[in-house]
Amino acid sequence: MKTPSNGMRDAMNNITDDASALLSATADVAEEKVVEARDRLKSALASAKDTYVIVQKKAAASAKVADKTIRDNPYYAIGIAFGVGAVIGYLWKRRD
């Protein structure tokens, strides 16, 4: 089963791979500005990976809470979904 986060995961992997390739390509350059930029890029990559993991865990936890709430109160969830759908339909119809 394909999870909704696969697109985000793929994008994160692509960015990480590109940044790693850039770091490898500039490994032999010893100019001060390049070294500083490489260090900043390494730091930013590490921070982005940490943030991605945190966001992924929070999203999974939120989805579990939402699932539990909907399963515990199905009629309430149906009512809210109907109300939101009616408002969106009304606004969409007014737009035309």
PDB file of N, CA and C in Angstrom:
ATOM      1  N   MET A   1       0.839  -1.181   0.000  1.00  0.00           N
ATOM      2  CA  MET A   1       0.000   0.000   0.000  1.00  0.00           C
ATOM      3  C   MET A   1       0.884   1.244   0.000  1.00  0.00           C
ATOM      4  N   LYS A   2       0.551   2.197  -0.827  1.00  0.00           N
ATOM      5  CA  LYS A   2       1.334   3.425  -0.917  1.00  0.00           C
ATOM      6  C   LYS A   2       0.844   4.417   0.127  1.00  0.00           C
ATOM      7  N   THR A   3       1.736   4.897   0.960  1.00  0.00           N
ATOM      8  CA  THR A   3       1.353   5.858   1.982  1.00  0.00           C
ATOM      9  C   THR A   3       1.423   7.260   1.420  1.00  0.00           C
ATOM     10  N   PRO A   4       0.635   8.195   1.965  1.00  0.00           N
ATOM     11  CA  PRO A   4       0.633   9.556   1.450  1.00  0.00           C
ATOM     12  C   PRO A   4       1.978  10.255   1.579  1.00  0.00           C
ATOM     13  N   SER A   5       2.812   9.826   2.509  1.00  0.00           N
ATOM     14  CA  SER A   5       4.084  10.519   2.736  1.00  0.00           C
ATOM     15  C   SER A   5       5.177  10.092   1.760  1.00  0.00           C
ATOM     16  N   ASN A   6       4.894   9.162   0.850  1.00  0.00           N
ATOM     17  CA  ASN A   6       5.921   8.707  -0.078  1.00  0.00           C
ATOM     18  C   ASN A   6       6.449   9.836  -0.943  1.00  0.00           C
ATOM     19  N   GLY A   7       5.593  10.726  -1.406  1.00  0.00           N
ATOM     20  CA  GLY A   7       6.041  11.848  -2.218  1.00  0.00           C
ATOM     21  C   GLY A   7       6.989  12.743  -1.457  1.00  0.00           C
ATOM     22  N   MET A   8       6.652  13.031  -0.211  1.00  0.00           N
ATOM     23  CA  MET A   8       7.509  13.870   0.606  1.00  0.00           C
ATOM     24  C   MET A   8       8.818  13.152   0.918  1.00  0.00           C
ATOM     25  N   ARG A   9       8.722  11.873   1.179  1.00  0.00           N
ATOM     26  CA  ARG A   9       9.921  11.087   1.470  1.00  0.00           C
ATOM     27  C   ARG A   9      10.838  11.056   0.252  1.00  0.00           C
ATOM     28  N   ASP A  10      10.255  10.870  -0.929  1.00  0.00           N
ATOM     29  CA  ASP A  10      11.052  10.855  -2.155  1.00  0.00           C
ATOM     30  C   ASP A  10      11.723  12.207  -2.394  1.00  0.00           C
ATOM     31  N   ALA A  11      10.976  13.285  -2.165  1.00  0.00           N
ATOM     32  CA  ALA A  11      11.548  14.625  -2.350  1.00  0.00           C
ATOM     33  C   ALA A  11      12.687  14.854  -1.370  1.00  0.00           C
ATOM     34  N   MET A  12      12.502  14.437  -0.132  1.00  0.00           N
ATOM     35  CA  MET A  12      13.553  14.595   0.873  1.00  0.00           C
ATOM     36  C   MET A  12      14.781  13.771   0.486  1.00  0.00           C
ATOM     37  N   ASN A  13      14.561  12.565  -0.002  1.00  0.00           N
ATOM     38  CA  ASN A  13      15.685  11.724  -0.428  1.00  0.00           C
ATOM     39  C   ASN A  13      16.418  12.343  -1.609  1.00  0.00           C
ATOM     40  N   ASN A  14      15.672  12.920  -2.559  1.00  0.00           N
ATOM     41  CA  ASN A  14      16.297  13.567  -3.711  1.00  0.00           C
ATOM     42  C   ASN A  14      17.158  14.747  -3.282  1.00  0.00           C
ATOM     43  N   ILE A  15      16.635  15.552  -2.392  1.00  0.00           N
ATOM     44  CA  ILE A  15      17.395  16.708  -1.904  1.00  0.00           C
ATOM     45  C   ILE A  15      18.645  16.250  -1.172  1.00  0.00           C
ATOM     46  N   THR A  16      18.493  15.244  -0.344  1.00  0.00           N
ATOM     47  CA  THR A  16      19.633  14.722   0.408  1.00  0.00           C
ATOM     48  C   THR A  16      20.685  14.148  -0.536  1.00  0.00           C
ATOM     49  N   ASP A  17      20.248  13.406  -1.534  1.00  0.00           N
ATOM     50  CA  ASP A  17      21.190  12.829  -2.499  1.00  0.00           C
ATOM     51  C   ASP A  17      21.921  13.920  -3.280  1.00  0.00           C
ATOM     52  N   ASP A  18      21.183  14.937  -3.709  1.00  0.00           N
ATOM     53  CA  ASP A  18      21.801  16.037  -4.456  1.00  0.00           C
ATOM     54  C   ASP A  18      22.811  16.792  -3.595  1.00  0.00           C
ATOM     55  N   ALA A  19      22.440  17.048  -2.352  1.00  0.00           N
ATOM     56  CA  ALA A  19      23.353  17.756  -1.462  1.00  0.00           C
ATOM     57  C   ALA A  19      24.594  16.914  -1.166  1.00  0.00           C
ATOM     58  N   SER A  20      24.397  15.620  -0.984  1.00  0.00           N
ATOM     59  CA  SER A  20      25.545  14.741  -0.747  1.00  0.00           C
ATOM     60  C   SER A  20      26.461  14.700  -1.965  1.00  0.00           C
ATOM     61  N   ALA A  21      25.873  14.691  -3.155  1.00  0.00           N
ATOM     62  CA  ALA A  21      26.682  14.712  -4.374  1.00  0.00           C
ATOM     63  C   ALA A  21      27.463  16.019  -4.480  1.00  0.00           C
ATOM     64  N   LEU A  22      26.834  17.109  -4.107  1.00  0.00           N
ATOM     65  CA  LEU A  22      27.518  18.403  -4.115  1.00  0.00           C
ATOM     66  C   LEU A  22      28.670  18.419  -3.115  1.00  0.00           C
ATOM     67  N   LEU A  23      28.436  17.864  -1.953  1.00  0.00           N
ATOM     68  CA  LEU A  23      29.506  17.788  -0.951  1.00  0.00           C
ATOM     69  C   LEU A  23      30.663  16.933  -1.453  1.00  0.00           C
ATOM     70  N   SER A  24      30.350  15.827  -2.103  1.00  0.00           N
ATOM     71  CA  SER A  24      31.402  14.961  -2.646  1.00  0.00           C
ATOM     72  C   SER A  24      32.173  15.648  -3.769  1.00  0.00           C
ATOM     73  N   ALA A  25      31.463  16.383  -4.606  1.00  0.00           N
ATOM     74  CA  ALA A  25      32.104  17.050  -5.743  1.00  0.00           C
ATOM     75  C   ALA A  25      33.041  18.165  -5.300  1.00  0.00           C
ATOM     76  N   THR A  26      32.758  18.762  -4.155  1.00  0.00           N
ATOM     77  CA  THR A  26      33.592  19.865  -3.676  1.00  0.00           C
ATOM     78  C   THR A  26      34.545  19.431  -2.567  1.00  0.00           C
ATOM     79  N   ALA A  27      34.700  18.139  -2.373  1.00  0.00           N
ATOM     80  CA  ALA A  27      35.537  17.640  -1.279  1.00  0.00           C
ATOM     81  C   ALA A  27      36.994  18.051  -1.430  1.00  0.00           C
ATOM     82  N   ASP A  28      37.482  18.171  -2.650  1.00  0.00           N
ATOM     83  CA  ASP A  28      38.900  18.498  -2.854  1.00  0.00           C
ATOM     84  C   ASP A  28      39.164  20.008  -2.910  1.00  0.00           C
ATOM     85  N   VAL A  29      38.106  20.819  -2.877  1.00  0.00           N
ATOM     86  CA  VAL A  29      38.272  22.270  -2.905  1.00  0.00           C
ATOM     87  C   VAL A  29      38.539  22.746  -1.480  1.00  0.00           C
ATOM     88  N   ALA A  30      39.621  23.495  -1.307  1.00  0.00           N
ATOM     89  CA  ALA A  30      40.016  23.892   0.045  1.00  0.00           C
ATOM     90  C   ALA A  30      39.840  25.390   0.293  1.00  0.00           C
ATOM     91  N   GLU A  31      39.190  26.101  -0.618  1.00  0.00           N
ATOM     92  CA  GLU A  31      38.986  27.524  -0.399  1.00  0.00           C
ATOM     93  C   GLU A  31      38.105  27.738   0.816  1.00  0.00           C
ATOM     94  N   GLU A  32      38.385  28.810   1.525  1.00  0.00           N
ATOM     95  CA  GLU A  32      37.700  29.081   2.792  1.00  0.00           C
ATOM     96  C   GLU A  32      36.189  29.202   2.610  1.00  0.00           C
ATOM     97  N   LYS A  33      35.744  29.915   1.581  1.00  0.00           N
ATOM     98  CA  LYS A  33      34.311  30.101   1.364  1.00  0.00           C
ATOM     99  C   LYS A  33      33.622  28.780   1.041  1.00  0.00           C
ATOM    100  N   VAL A  34      34.281  27.940   0.279  1.00  0.00           N
ATOM    101  CA  VAL A  34      33.703  26.642  -0.071  1.00  0.00           C
ATOM    102  C   VAL A  34      33.617  25.756   1.166  1.00  0.00           C
ATOM    103  N   VAL A  35      34.636  25.770   1.988  1.00  0.00           N
ATOM    104  CA  VAL A  35      34.640  24.973   3.215  1.00  0.00           C
ATOM    105  C   VAL A  35      33.521  25.434   4.146  1.00  0.00           C
ATOM    106  N   GLU A  36      33.347  26.752   4.269  1.00  0.00           N
ATOM    107  CA  GLU A  36      32.270  27.285   5.109  1.00  0.00           C
ATOM    108  C   GLU A  36      30.901  26.883   4.563  1.00  0.00           C
ATOM    109  N   ALA A  37      30.744  26.978   3.245  1.00  0.00           N
ATOM    110  CA  ALA A  37      29.474  26.607   2.623  1.00  0.00           C
ATOM    111  C   ALA A  37      29.188  25.116   2.815  1.00  0.00           C
ATOM    112  N   ARG A  38      30.220  24.290   2.685  1.00  0.00           N
ATOM    113  CA  ARG A  38      30.052  22.845   2.893  1.00  0.00           C
ATOM    114  C   ARG A  38      29.634  22.550   4.324  1.00  0.00           C
ATOM    115  N   ASP A  39      30.256  23.240   5.283  1.00  0.00           N
ATOM    116  CA  ASP A  39      29.906  23.041   6.691  1.00  0.00           C
ATOM    117  C   ASP A  39      28.456  23.456   6.959  1.00  0.00           C
ATOM    118  N   ARG A  40      28.049  24.588   6.381  1.00  0.00           N
ATOM    119  CA  ARG A  40      26.666  25.042   6.555  1.00  0.00           C
ATOM    120  C   ARG A  40      25.693  24.054   5.919  1.00  0.00           C
ATOM    121  N   LEU A  41      26.061  23.523   4.754  1.00  0.00           N
ATOM    122  CA  LEU A  41      25.200  22.557   4.078  1.00  0.00           C
ATOM    123  C   LEU A  41      25.079  21.274   4.890  1.00  0.00           C
ATOM    124  N   LYS A  42      26.185  20.801   5.438  1.00  0.00           N
ATOM    125  CA  LYS A  42      26.136  19.599   6.287  1.00  0.00           C
ATOM    126  C   LYS A  42      25.224  19.833   7.486  1.00  0.00           C
ATOM    127  N   SER A  43      25.363  20.996   8.114  1.00  0.00           N
ATOM    128  CA  SER A  43      24.539  21.335   9.272  1.00  0.00           C
ATOM    129  C   SER A  43      23.068  21.423   8.891  1.00  0.00           C
ATOM    130  N   ALA A  44      22.792  22.069   7.755  1.00  0.00           N
ATOM    131  CA  ALA A  44      21.404  22.203   7.308  1.00  0.00           C
ATOM    132  C   ALA A  44      20.794  20.843   6.972  1.00  0.00           C
ATOM    133  N   LEU A  45      21.571  19.959   6.359  1.00  0.00           N
ATOM    134  CA  LEU A  45      21.078  18.618   6.051  1.00  0.00           C
ATOM    135  C   LEU A  45      20.748  17.837   7.319  1.00  0.00           C
ATOM    136  N   ALA A  46      21.628  17.916   8.288  1.00  0.00           N
ATOM    137  CA  ALA A  46      21.381  17.213   9.551  1.00  0.00           C
ATOM    138  C   ALA A  46      20.121  17.751  10.226  1.00  0.00           C
ATOM    139  N   SER A  47      19.980  19.071  10.231  1.00  0.00           N
ATOM    140  CA  SER A  47      18.806  19.692  10.835  1.00  0.00           C
ATOM    141  C   SER A  47      17.536  19.320  10.082  1.00  0.00           C
ATOM    142  N   ALA A  48      17.597  19.313   8.753  1.00  0.00           N
ATOM    143  CA  ALA A  48      16.429  18.959   7.949  1.00  0.00           C
ATOM    144  C   ALA A  48      16.015  17.514   8.187  1.00  0.00           C
ATOM    145  N   LYS A  49      16.978  16.621   8.302  1.00  0.00           N
ATOM    146  CA  LYS A  49      16.653  15.218   8.563  1.00  0.00           C
ATOM    147  C   LYS A  49      15.973  15.066   9.922  1.00  0.00           C
ATOM    148  N   ASP A  50      16.507  15.751  10.929  1.00  0.00           N
ATOM    149  CA  ASP A  50      15.908  15.692  12.263  1.00  0.00           C
ATOM    150  C   ASP A  50      14.488  16.243  12.245  1.00  0.00           C
ATOM    151  N   THR A  51      14.299  17.372  11.577  1.00  0.00           N
ATOM    152  CA  THR A  51      12.982  17.994  11.498  1.00  0.00           C
ATOM    153  C   THR A  51      12.013  17.098  10.755  1.00  0.00           C
ATOM    154  N   TYR A  52      12.460  16.473   9.680  1.00  0.00           N
ATOM    155  CA  TYR A  52      11.610  15.575   8.906  1.00  0.00           C
ATOM    156  C   TYR A  52      11.132  14.406   9.768  1.00  0.00           C
ATOM    157  N   VAL A  53      12.034  13.841  10.539  1.00  0.00           N
ATOM    158  CA  VAL A  53      11.659  12.715  11.402  1.00  0.00           C
ATOM    159  C   VAL A  53      10.631  13.163  12.439  1.00  0.00           C
ATOM    160  N   ILE A  54      10.835  14.334  13.032  1.00  0.00           N
ATOM    161  CA  ILE A  54       9.894  14.848  14.031  1.00  0.00           C
ATOM    162  C   ILE A  54       8.529  15.092  13.413  1.00  0.00           C
ATOM    163  N   VAL A  55       8.495  15.733  12.250  1.00  0.00           N
ATOM    164  CA  VAL A  55       7.226  16.019  11.574  1.00  0.00           C
ATOM    165  C   VAL A  55       6.520  14.728  11.195  1.00  0.00           C
ATOM    166  N   GLN A  56       7.279  13.761  10.720  1.00  0.00           N
ATOM    167  CA  GLN A  56       6.694  12.479  10.338  1.00  0.00           C
ATOM    168  C   GLN A  56       6.055  11.791  11.547  1.00  0.00           C
ATOM    169  N   LYS A  57       6.744  11.815  12.693  1.00  0.00           N
ATOM    170  CA  LYS A  57       6.194  11.190  13.901  1.00  0.00           C
ATOM    171  C   LYS A  57       4.943  11.922  14.377  1.00  0.00           C
ATOM    172  N   LYS A  58       4.967  13.260  14.336  1.00  0.00           N
ATOM    173  CA  LYS A  58       3.798  14.035  14.755  1.00  0.00           C
ATOM    174  C   LYS A  58       2.617  13.790  13.829  1.00  0.00           C
ATOM    175  N   ALA A  59       2.872  13.699  12.529  1.00  0.00           N
ATOM    176  CA  ALA A  59       1.793  13.442  11.578  1.00  0.00           C
ATOM    177  C   ALA A  59       1.173  12.064  11.819  1.00  0.00           C
ATOM    178  N   ALA A  60       2.014  11.083  12.072  1.00  0.00           N
ATOM    179  CA  ALA A  60       1.504   9.736  12.337  1.00  0.00           C
ATOM    180  C   ALA A  60       0.682   9.718  13.625  1.00  0.00           C
ATOM    181  N   ALA A  61       1.158  10.410  14.645  1.00  0.00           N
ATOM    182  CA  ALA A  61       0.418  10.464  15.907  1.00  0.00           C
ATOM    183  C   ALA A  61      -0.915  11.184  15.724  1.00  0.00           C
ATOM    184  N   SER A  62      -0.915  12.264  14.969  1.00  0.00           N
ATOM    185  CA  SER A  62      -2.159  13.008  14.710  1.00  0.00           C
ATOM    186  C   SER A  62      -3.153  12.163  13.921  1.00  0.00           C
ATOM    187  N   ALA A  63      -2.659  11.416  12.962  1.00  0.00           N
ATOM    188  CA  ALA A  63      -3.536  10.547  12.175  1.00  0.00           C
ATOM    189  C   ALA A  63      -4.156   9.470  13.059  1.00  0.00           C
ATOM    190  N   LYS A  64      -3.381   8.930  13.987  1.00  0.00           N
ATOM    191  CA  LYS A  64      -3.913   7.910  14.897  1.00  0.00           C
ATOM    192  C   LYS A  64      -4.985   8.493  15.800  1.00  0.00           C
ATOM    193  N   VAL A  65      -4.757   9.717  16.298  1.00  0.00           N
ATOM    194  CA  VAL A  65      -5.749  10.374  17.153  1.00  0.00           C
ATOM    195  C   VAL A  65      -7.024  10.650  16.366  1.00  0.00           C
ATOM    196  N   ALA A  66      -6.873  11.148  15.145  1.00  0.00           N
ATOM    197  CA  ALA A  66      -8.036  11.424  14.304  1.00  0.00           C
ATOM    198  C   ALA A  66      -8.803  10.135  14.012  1.00  0.00           C
ATOM    199  N   ASP A  67      -8.105   9.067  13.717  1.00  0.00           N
ATOM    200  CA  ASP A  67      -8.742   7.785  13.437  1.00  0.00           C
ATOM    201  C   ASP A  67      -9.518   7.294  14.654  1.00  0.00           C
ATOM    202  N   LYS A  68      -8.909   7.393  15.817  1.00  0.00           N
ATOM    203  CA  LYS A  68      -9.575   6.951  17.050  1.00  0.00           C
ATOM    204  C   LYS A  68     -10.813   7.790  17.334  1.00  0.00           C
ATOM    205  N   THR A  69     -10.687   9.106  17.140  1.00  0.00           N
ATOM    206  CA  THR A  69     -11.824   9.998  17.378  1.00  0.00           C
ATOM    207  C   THR A  69     -12.970   9.675  16.433  1.00  0.00           C
ATOM    208  N   ILE A  70     -12.669   9.448  15.184  1.00  0.00           N
ATOM    209  CA  ILE A  70     -13.710   9.133  14.202  1.00  0.00           C
ATOM    210  C   ILE A  70     -14.352   7.789  14.521  1.00  0.00           C
ATOM    211  N   ARG A  71     -13.550   6.823  14.928  1.00  0.00           N
ATOM    212  CA  ARG A  71     -14.109   5.507  15.263  1.00  0.00           C
ATOM    213  C   ARG A  71     -14.954   5.562  16.536  1.00  0.00           C
ATOM    214  N   ASP A  72     -14.577   6.424  17.485  1.00  0.00           N
ATOM    215  CA  ASP A  72     -15.343   6.542  18.731  1.00  0.00           C
ATOM    216  C   ASP A  72     -16.639   7.330  18.534  1.00  0.00           C
ATOM    217  N   ASN A  73     -16.655   8.257  17.585  1.00  0.00           N
ATOM    218  CA  ASN A  73     -17.807   9.127  17.365  1.00  0.00           C
ATOM    219  C   ASN A  73     -18.161   9.193  15.869  1.00  0.00           C
ATOM    220  N   PRO A  74     -18.619   8.102  15.297  1.00  0.00           N
ATOM    221  CA  PRO A  74     -18.834   8.093  13.845  1.00  0.00           C
ATOM    222  C   PRO A  74     -19.927   9.063  13.376  1.00  0.00           C
ATOM    223  N   TYR A  75     -21.021   9.185  14.134  1.00  0.00           N
ATOM    224  CA  TYR A  75     -22.104  10.080  13.698  1.00  0.00           C
ATOM    225  C   TYR A  75     -21.675  11.542  13.787  1.00  0.00           C
ATOM    226  N   TYR A  76     -20.938  11.869  14.792  1.00  0.00           N
ATOM    227  CA  TYR A  76     -20.397  13.218  14.933  1.00  0.00           C
ATOM    228  C   TYR A  76     -19.469  13.531  13.762  1.00  0.00           C
ATOM    229  N   ALA A  77     -18.619  12.586  13.395  1.00  0.00           N
ATOM    230  CA  ALA A  77     -17.694  12.767  12.277  1.00  0.00           C
ATOM    231  C   ALA A  77     -18.455  12.918  10.964  1.00  0.00           C
ATOM    232  N   ILE A  78     -19.509  12.127  10.780  1.00  0.00           N
ATOM    233  CA  ILE A  78     -20.319  12.243   9.563  1.00  0.00           C
ATOM    234  C   ILE A  78     -20.990  13.614   9.505  1.00  0.00           C
ATOM    235  N   GLY A  79     -21.490  14.081  10.639  1.00  0.00           N
ATOM    236  CA  GLY A  79     -22.131  15.399  10.695  1.00  0.00           C
ATOM    237  C   GLY A  79     -21.165  16.515  10.336  1.00  0.00           C
ATOM    238  N   ILE A  80     -19.963  16.437  10.876  1.00  0.00           N
ATOM    239  CA  ILE A  80     -18.959  17.461  10.569  1.00  0.00           C
ATOM    240  C   ILE A  80     -18.584  17.399   9.089  1.00  0.00           C
ATOM    241  N   ALA A  81     -18.382  16.206   8.568  1.00  0.00           N
ATOM    242  CA  ALA A  81     -18.031  16.058   7.149  1.00  0.00           C
ATOM    243  C   ALA A  81     -19.150  16.597   6.263  1.00  0.00           C
ATOM    244  N   PHE A  82     -20.394  16.331   6.627  1.00  0.00           N
ATOM    245  CA  PHE A  82     -21.524  16.844   5.858  1.00  0.00           C
ATOM    246  C   PHE A  82     -21.559  18.369   5.913  1.00  0.00           C
ATOM    247  N   GLY A  83     -21.360  18.923   7.102  1.00  0.00           N
ATOM    248  CA  GLY A  83     -21.376  20.382   7.257  1.00  0.00           C
ATOM    249  C   GLY A  83     -20.273  21.060   6.464  1.00  0.00           C
ATOM    250  N   VAL A  84     -19.077  20.519   6.552  1.00  0.00           N
ATOM    251  CA  VAL A  84     -17.954  21.088   5.804  1.00  0.00           C
ATOM    252  C   VAL A  84     -18.211  20.970   4.306  1.00  0.00           C
ATOM    253  N   GLY A  85     -18.730  19.835   3.872  1.00  0.00           N
ATOM    254  CA  GLY A  85     -19.054  19.649   2.454  1.00  0.00           C
ATOM    255  C   GLY A  85     -20.129  20.613   1.983  1.00  0.00           C
ATOM    256  N   ALA A  86     -21.140  20.855   2.828  1.00  0.00           N
ATOM    257  CA  ALA A  86     -22.210  21.785   2.466  1.00  0.00           C
ATOM    258  C   ALA A  86     -21.669  23.209   2.335  1.00  0.00           C
ATOM    259  N   VAL A  87     -20.812  23.617   3.276  1.00  0.00           N
ATOM    260  CA  VAL A  87     -20.236  24.959   3.213  1.00  0.00           C
ATOM    261  C   VAL A  87     -19.369  25.102   1.963  1.00  0.00           C
ATOM    262  N   ILE A  88     -18.537  24.117   1.688  1.00  0.00           N
ATOM    263  CA  ILE A  88     -17.685  24.171   0.495  1.00  0.00           C
ATOM    264  C   ILE A  88     -18.543  24.203  -0.767  1.00  0.00           C
ATOM    265  N   GLY A  89     -19.586  23.383  -0.812  1.00  0.00           N
ATOM    266  CA  GLY A  89     -20.494  23.381  -1.964  1.00  0.00           C
ATOM    267  C   GLY A  89     -21.181  24.714  -2.144  1.00  0.00           C
ATOM    268  N   TYR A  90     -21.632  25.306  -1.053  1.00  0.00           N
ATOM    269  CA  TYR A  90     -22.278  26.621  -1.114  1.00  0.00           C
ATOM    270  C   TYR A  90     -21.307  27.680  -1.629  1.00  0.00           C
ATOM    271  N   LEU A  91     -20.100  27.702  -1.085  1.00  0.00           N
ATOM    272  CA  LEU A  91     -19.106  28.680  -1.523  1.00  0.00           C
ATOM    273  C   LEU A  91     -18.714  28.453  -2.981  1.00  0.00           C
ATOM    274  N   TRP A  92     -18.608  27.200  -3.388  1.00  0.00           N
ATOM    275  CA  TRP A  92     -18.250  26.877  -4.771  1.00  0.00           C
ATOM    276  C   TRP A  92     -19.362  27.348  -5.722  1.00  0.00           C
ATOM    277  N   LYS A  93     -20.606  27.115  -5.325  1.00  0.00           N
ATOM    278  CA  LYS A  93     -21.746  27.500  -6.163  1.00  0.00           C
ATOM    279  C   LYS A  93     -21.820  29.030  -6.257  1.00  0.00           C
ATOM    280  N   ARG A  94     -21.542  29.723  -5.170  1.00  0.00           N
ATOM    281  CA  ARG A  94     -21.570  31.193  -5.168  1.00  0.00           C
ATOM    282  C   ARG A  94     -20.494  31.762  -6.058  1.00  0.00           C
ATOM    283  N   ARG A  95     -19.400  31.038  -6.189  1.00  0.00           N
ATOM    284  CA  ARG A  95     -18.272  31.493  -6.983  1.00  0.00           C
ATOM    285  C   ARG A  95     -18.638  31.587  -8.461  1.00  0.00           C
ATOM    286  N   ASP A  96     -19.491  30.685  -8.925  1.00  0.00           N
ATOM    287  CA  ASP A  96     -19.880  30.656 -10.354  1.00  0.00           C
ATOM    288  C   ASP A  96     -20.852  31.712 -10.688  1.00  0.00           C
TER     289      ASP A  96
END
